Amino acid sequence: MRLTLFRFATPFLLSVIFLGLTLRALFRSREISIQVLLFTSLPSTTAIPEFLGLTQMGAAPPDVREEWLVPWALCGVSFALAWAAGWWEGRQPEALLAR
């Protein structure tokens, strides 16, 4: 059961990390980006149905396959945005020195 939960938690954790990296590049202060991250609940909203199915309803992993693919898609989008934000930040050295 622990391995199954770990397998299903991986895309959720990765998408939160990549979303945080994306938001870091968009705001000047860390405090504002954290506040925005608190109100951006998209990764947790997509992960809730699969965790409820696995832990409370006794569903097998094949039963929540569709719910498992949504966080992976969100992880891919968040990764692309984090990469683009890092690339954009790297192109502007003056902006990095001003922070």
N, C-alpha and C. Protein backbone atom coordinates (compact mmCIF):
# COMPACT_ATOMS: atom_id res chain seq x y z
N MET A 1 0.83 -1.20 0.00
CA MET A 1 0.00 0.00 0.00
C MET A 1 0.87 1.26 0.00
N ARG A 2 1.98 1.24 0.76
CA ARG A 2 2.85 2.41 0.81
C ARG A 2 3.48 2.70 -0.55
N LEU A 3 3.88 1.65 -1.24
CA LEU A 3 4.47 1.84 -2.57
C LEU A 3 3.44 2.41 -3.54
N THR A 4 2.21 1.96 -3.43
CA THR A 4 1.15 2.49 -4.29
C THR A 4 0.92 3.96 -4.01
N LEU A 5 0.86 4.35 -2.74
CA LEU A 5 0.67 5.75 -2.40
C LEU A 5 1.86 6.60 -2.84
N PHE A 6 3.07 6.06 -2.71
CA PHE A 6 4.25 6.78 -3.17
C PHE A 6 4.21 6.98 -4.68
N ARG A 7 3.79 5.94 -5.39
CA ARG A 7 3.70 6.02 -6.84
C ARG A 7 2.68 7.07 -7.29
N PHE A 8 1.60 7.18 -6.53
CA PHE A 8 0.58 8.15 -6.89
C PHE A 8 0.89 9.54 -6.35
N ALA A 9 1.75 9.66 -5.35
CA ALA A 9 2.11 10.98 -4.81
C ALA A 9 3.21 11.65 -5.63
N THR A 10 3.97 10.88 -6.37
CA THR A 10 5.10 11.42 -7.13
C THR A 10 4.70 12.53 -8.11
N PRO A 11 3.68 12.34 -8.97
CA PRO A 11 3.35 13.43 -9.88
C PRO A 11 2.82 14.66 -9.16
N PHE A 12 2.13 14.46 -8.04
CA PHE A 12 1.63 15.59 -7.26
C PHE A 12 2.79 16.41 -6.71
N LEU A 13 3.76 15.74 -6.12
CA LEU A 13 4.90 16.46 -5.55
C LEU A 13 5.71 17.17 -6.63
N LEU A 14 5.93 16.51 -7.75
CA LEU A 14 6.68 17.13 -8.84
C LEU A 14 5.96 18.35 -9.41
N SER A 15 4.65 18.26 -9.55
CA SER A 15 3.92 19.41 -10.11
C SER A 15 3.93 20.59 -9.15
N VAL A 16 3.88 20.34 -7.84
CA VAL A 16 3.97 21.43 -6.86
C VAL A 16 5.35 22.07 -6.91
N ILE A 17 6.39 21.27 -7.02
CA ILE A 17 7.75 21.79 -7.09
C ILE A 17 7.93 22.65 -8.34
N PHE A 18 7.49 22.14 -9.49
CA PHE A 18 7.64 22.89 -10.73
C PHE A 18 6.79 24.15 -10.73
N LEU A 19 5.60 24.10 -10.13
CA LEU A 19 4.77 25.29 -10.03
C LEU A 19 5.45 26.34 -9.15
N GLY A 20 6.08 25.90 -8.07
CA GLY A 20 6.82 26.84 -7.22
C GLY A 20 7.99 27.48 -7.95
N LEU A 21 8.69 26.70 -8.76
CA LEU A 21 9.80 27.26 -9.54
C LEU A 21 9.30 28.27 -10.58
N THR A 22 8.15 27.99 -11.15
CA THR A 22 7.57 28.93 -12.11
C THR A 22 7.18 30.23 -11.43
N LEU A 23 6.52 30.13 -10.29
CA LEU A 23 6.07 31.33 -9.58
C LEU A 23 7.24 32.15 -9.06
N ARG A 24 8.32 31.49 -8.71
CA ARG A 24 9.51 32.21 -8.22
C ARG A 24 10.01 33.21 -9.25
N ALA A 25 9.92 32.85 -10.50
CA ALA A 25 10.43 33.72 -11.56
C ALA A 25 9.47 34.86 -11.88
N LEU A 26 8.23 34.76 -11.46
CA LEU A 26 7.23 35.76 -11.83
C LEU A 26 7.10 36.91 -10.84
N PHE A 27 7.59 36.74 -9.63
CA PHE A 27 7.40 37.76 -8.60
C PHE A 27 8.74 38.24 -8.06
N ARG A 28 8.74 39.47 -7.60
CA ARG A 28 9.97 40.04 -7.05
C ARG A 28 10.27 39.53 -5.65
N SER A 29 9.24 39.37 -4.84
CA SER A 29 9.50 38.92 -3.47
C SER A 29 8.95 37.51 -3.27
N ARG A 30 9.62 36.76 -2.42
CA ARG A 30 9.20 35.39 -2.16
C ARG A 30 7.85 35.34 -1.47
N GLU A 31 7.56 36.35 -0.65
CA GLU A 31 6.32 36.34 0.10
C GLU A 31 5.10 36.37 -0.81
N ILE A 32 5.17 37.17 -1.85
CA ILE A 32 4.04 37.26 -2.78
C ILE A 32 3.86 35.94 -3.52
N SER A 33 4.96 35.33 -3.93
CA SER A 33 4.84 34.06 -4.66
C SER A 33 4.27 32.96 -3.77
N ILE A 34 4.62 32.97 -2.49
CA ILE A 34 4.06 31.96 -1.57
C ILE A 34 2.56 32.18 -1.39
N GLN A 35 2.13 33.43 -1.29
CA GLN A 35 0.70 33.71 -1.15
C GLN A 35 -0.06 33.25 -2.38
N VAL A 36 0.51 33.49 -3.54
CA VAL A 36 -0.15 33.04 -4.77
C VAL A 36 -0.19 31.51 -4.82
N LEU A 37 0.88 30.87 -4.39
CA LEU A 37 0.91 29.40 -4.38
C LEU A 37 -0.13 28.83 -3.42
N LEU A 38 -0.35 29.50 -2.30
CA LEU A 38 -1.37 29.04 -1.35
C LEU A 38 -2.77 29.07 -1.96
N PHE A 39 -3.03 30.07 -2.80
CA PHE A 39 -4.35 30.18 -3.40
C PHE A 39 -4.46 29.47 -4.73
N THR A 40 -3.38 28.90 -5.21
CA THR A 40 -3.39 28.12 -6.45
C THR A 40 -3.41 26.65 -6.06
N SER A 41 -4.58 26.11 -5.92
CA SER A 41 -4.71 24.75 -5.40
C SER A 41 -4.88 23.71 -6.49
N LEU A 42 -4.48 24.03 -7.71
CA LEU A 42 -4.69 23.10 -8.82
C LEU A 42 -4.02 21.74 -8.62
N PRO A 43 -2.76 21.66 -8.17
CA PRO A 43 -2.18 20.33 -7.98
C PRO A 43 -2.94 19.49 -6.94
N SER A 44 -3.35 20.09 -5.85
CA SER A 44 -4.07 19.30 -4.84
C SER A 44 -5.47 18.95 -5.30
N THR A 45 -6.09 19.82 -6.08
CA THR A 45 -7.43 19.54 -6.58
C THR A 45 -7.43 18.33 -7.50
N THR A 46 -6.40 18.17 -8.29
CA THR A 46 -6.35 17.02 -9.19
C THR A 46 -5.94 15.75 -8.47
N ALA A 47 -5.25 15.85 -7.33
CA ALA A 47 -4.77 14.66 -6.63
C ALA A 47 -5.80 14.10 -5.64
N ILE A 48 -6.74 14.90 -5.22
CA ILE A 48 -7.69 14.46 -4.19
C ILE A 48 -8.51 13.24 -4.62
N PRO A 49 -9.10 13.21 -5.82
CA PRO A 49 -9.92 12.03 -6.18
C PRO A 49 -9.13 10.72 -6.18
N GLU A 50 -7.89 10.73 -6.64
CA GLU A 50 -7.14 9.48 -6.66
C GLU A 50 -6.77 9.01 -5.26
N PHE A 51 -6.41 9.94 -4.37
CA PHE A 51 -6.08 9.53 -3.00
C PHE A 51 -7.31 9.06 -2.24
N LEU A 52 -8.45 9.70 -2.45
CA LEU A 52 -9.67 9.21 -1.82
C LEU A 52 -10.04 7.83 -2.33
N GLY A 53 -9.89 7.62 -3.62
CA GLY A 53 -10.19 6.30 -4.17
C GLY A 53 -9.28 5.22 -3.62
N LEU A 54 -8.01 5.54 -3.49
CA LEU A 54 -7.05 4.53 -3.01
C LEU A 54 -7.16 4.28 -1.51
N THR A 55 -7.29 5.33 -0.72
CA THR A 55 -7.22 5.17 0.73
C THR A 55 -8.57 4.95 1.40
N GLN A 56 -9.63 5.56 0.90
CA GLN A 56 -10.91 5.49 1.58
C GLN A 56 -11.90 4.53 0.93
N MET A 57 -11.83 4.40 -0.39
CA MET A 57 -12.81 3.59 -1.10
C MET A 57 -12.29 2.22 -1.48
N GLY A 58 -11.03 1.95 -1.18
CA GLY A 58 -10.46 0.63 -1.46
C GLY A 58 -10.28 0.33 -2.93
N ALA A 59 -10.09 1.33 -3.73
CA ALA A 59 -9.91 1.12 -5.17
C ALA A 59 -8.51 0.59 -5.45
N ALA A 60 -8.40 -0.20 -6.49
CA ALA A 60 -7.10 -0.69 -6.95
C ALA A 60 -6.49 0.36 -7.88
N PRO A 61 -5.16 0.35 -8.05
CA PRO A 61 -4.54 1.33 -8.95
C PRO A 61 -5.13 1.39 -10.36
N PRO A 62 -5.50 0.28 -10.99
CA PRO A 62 -6.12 0.41 -12.32
C PRO A 62 -7.46 1.16 -12.30
N ASP A 63 -8.14 1.15 -11.15
CA ASP A 63 -9.42 1.84 -11.05
C ASP A 63 -9.29 3.35 -11.07
N VAL A 64 -8.15 3.86 -10.64
CA VAL A 64 -7.95 5.32 -10.59
C VAL A 64 -6.90 5.76 -11.62
N ARG A 65 -6.78 5.00 -12.69
CA ARG A 65 -5.78 5.31 -13.72
C ARG A 65 -6.01 6.69 -14.35
N GLU A 66 -7.26 7.01 -14.67
CA GLU A 66 -7.54 8.31 -15.29
C GLU A 66 -7.20 9.45 -14.35
N GLU A 67 -7.52 9.28 -13.07
CA GLU A 67 -7.18 10.31 -12.09
C GLU A 67 -5.68 10.43 -11.90
N TRP A 68 -4.94 9.36 -12.16
CA TRP A 68 -3.48 9.36 -12.02
C TRP A 68 -2.82 10.07 -13.20
N LEU A 69 -3.43 10.03 -14.36
CA LEU A 69 -2.84 10.67 -15.54
C LEU A 69 -2.97 12.19 -15.50
N VAL A 70 -3.99 12.71 -14.84
CA VAL A 70 -4.17 14.16 -14.76
C VAL A 70 -3.01 14.83 -14.03
N PRO A 71 -2.58 14.35 -12.84
CA PRO A 71 -1.41 14.99 -12.22
C PRO A 71 -0.14 14.86 -13.05
N TRP A 72 0.02 13.78 -13.80
CA TRP A 72 1.20 13.67 -14.67
C TRP A 72 1.15 14.70 -15.78
N ALA A 73 -0.03 14.96 -16.33
CA ALA A 73 -0.16 16.00 -17.35
C ALA A 73 0.13 17.37 -16.76
N LEU A 74 -0.39 17.61 -15.56
CA LEU A 74 -0.12 18.86 -14.87
C LEU A 74 1.36 19.00 -14.55
N CYS A 75 2.00 17.90 -14.21
CA CYS A 75 3.45 17.91 -13.95
C CYS A 75 4.21 18.29 -15.21
N GLY A 76 3.81 17.77 -16.35
CA GLY A 76 4.47 18.12 -17.61
C GLY A 76 4.30 19.59 -17.96
N VAL A 77 3.10 20.11 -17.78
CA VAL A 77 2.86 21.53 -18.06
C VAL A 77 3.65 22.40 -17.09
N SER A 78 3.64 22.03 -15.81
CA SER A 78 4.38 22.82 -14.81
C SER A 78 5.88 22.78 -15.08
N PHE A 79 6.40 21.62 -15.53
CA PHE A 79 7.81 21.53 -15.86
C PHE A 79 8.16 22.44 -17.03
N ALA A 80 7.31 22.43 -18.06
CA ALA A 80 7.57 23.28 -19.23
C ALA A 80 7.55 24.76 -18.83
N LEU A 81 6.60 25.14 -17.99
CA LEU A 81 6.54 26.54 -17.54
C LEU A 81 7.73 26.90 -16.67
N ALA A 82 8.16 25.99 -15.79
CA ALA A 82 9.32 26.26 -14.94
C ALA A 82 10.59 26.38 -15.79
N TRP A 83 10.72 25.52 -16.80
CA TRP A 83 11.88 25.61 -17.68
C TRP A 83 11.88 26.92 -18.44
N ALA A 84 10.71 27.30 -18.97
CA ALA A 84 10.61 28.56 -19.72
C ALA A 84 10.89 29.76 -18.82
N ALA A 85 10.40 29.73 -17.58
CA ALA A 85 10.65 30.83 -16.65
C ALA A 85 12.13 30.92 -16.30
N GLY A 86 12.78 29.79 -16.10
CA GLY A 86 14.21 29.78 -15.82
C GLY A 86 15.02 30.26 -17.01
N TRP A 87 14.61 29.87 -18.20
CA TRP A 87 15.29 30.33 -19.41
C TRP A 87 15.12 31.83 -19.57
N TRP A 88 13.91 32.32 -19.33
CA TRP A 88 13.65 33.76 -19.46
C TRP A 88 14.45 34.55 -18.43
N GLU A 89 14.52 34.05 -17.22
CA GLU A 89 15.28 34.72 -16.17
C GLU A 89 16.76 34.74 -16.50
N GLY A 90 17.26 33.69 -17.11
CA GLY A 90 18.66 33.62 -17.48
C GLY A 90 19.03 34.56 -18.60
N ARG A 91 18.07 34.97 -19.38
CA ARG A 91 18.32 35.90 -20.48
C ARG A 91 18.45 37.33 -20.00
N GLN A 92 18.02 37.61 -18.78
CA GLN A 92 18.00 38.99 -18.28
C GLN A 92 18.90 39.11 -17.05
N PRO A 93 20.21 39.23 -17.23
CA PRO A 93 21.11 39.28 -16.08
C PRO A 93 20.92 40.53 -15.22
N GLU A 94 20.47 41.63 -15.81
CA GLU A 94 20.27 42.85 -15.02
C GLU A 94 19.15 42.64 -14.01
N ALA A 95 18.11 41.92 -14.42
CA ALA A 95 16.99 41.68 -13.52
C ALA A 95 17.38 40.82 -12.34
N LEU A 96 18.31 39.90 -12.56
CA LEU A 96 18.76 39.05 -11.47
C LEU A 96 19.59 39.85 -10.46
N LEU A 97 20.37 40.78 -10.94
CA LEU A 97 21.17 41.59 -10.03
C LEU A 97 20.32 42.57 -9.24
N ALA A 98 19.19 42.98 -9.78
CA ALA A 98 18.32 43.95 -9.10
C ALA A 98 17.54 43.33 -7.96
N ARG A 99 17.43 42.03 -7.93
CA ARG A 99 16.65 41.36 -6.87
C ARG A 99 17.33 41.43 -5.59
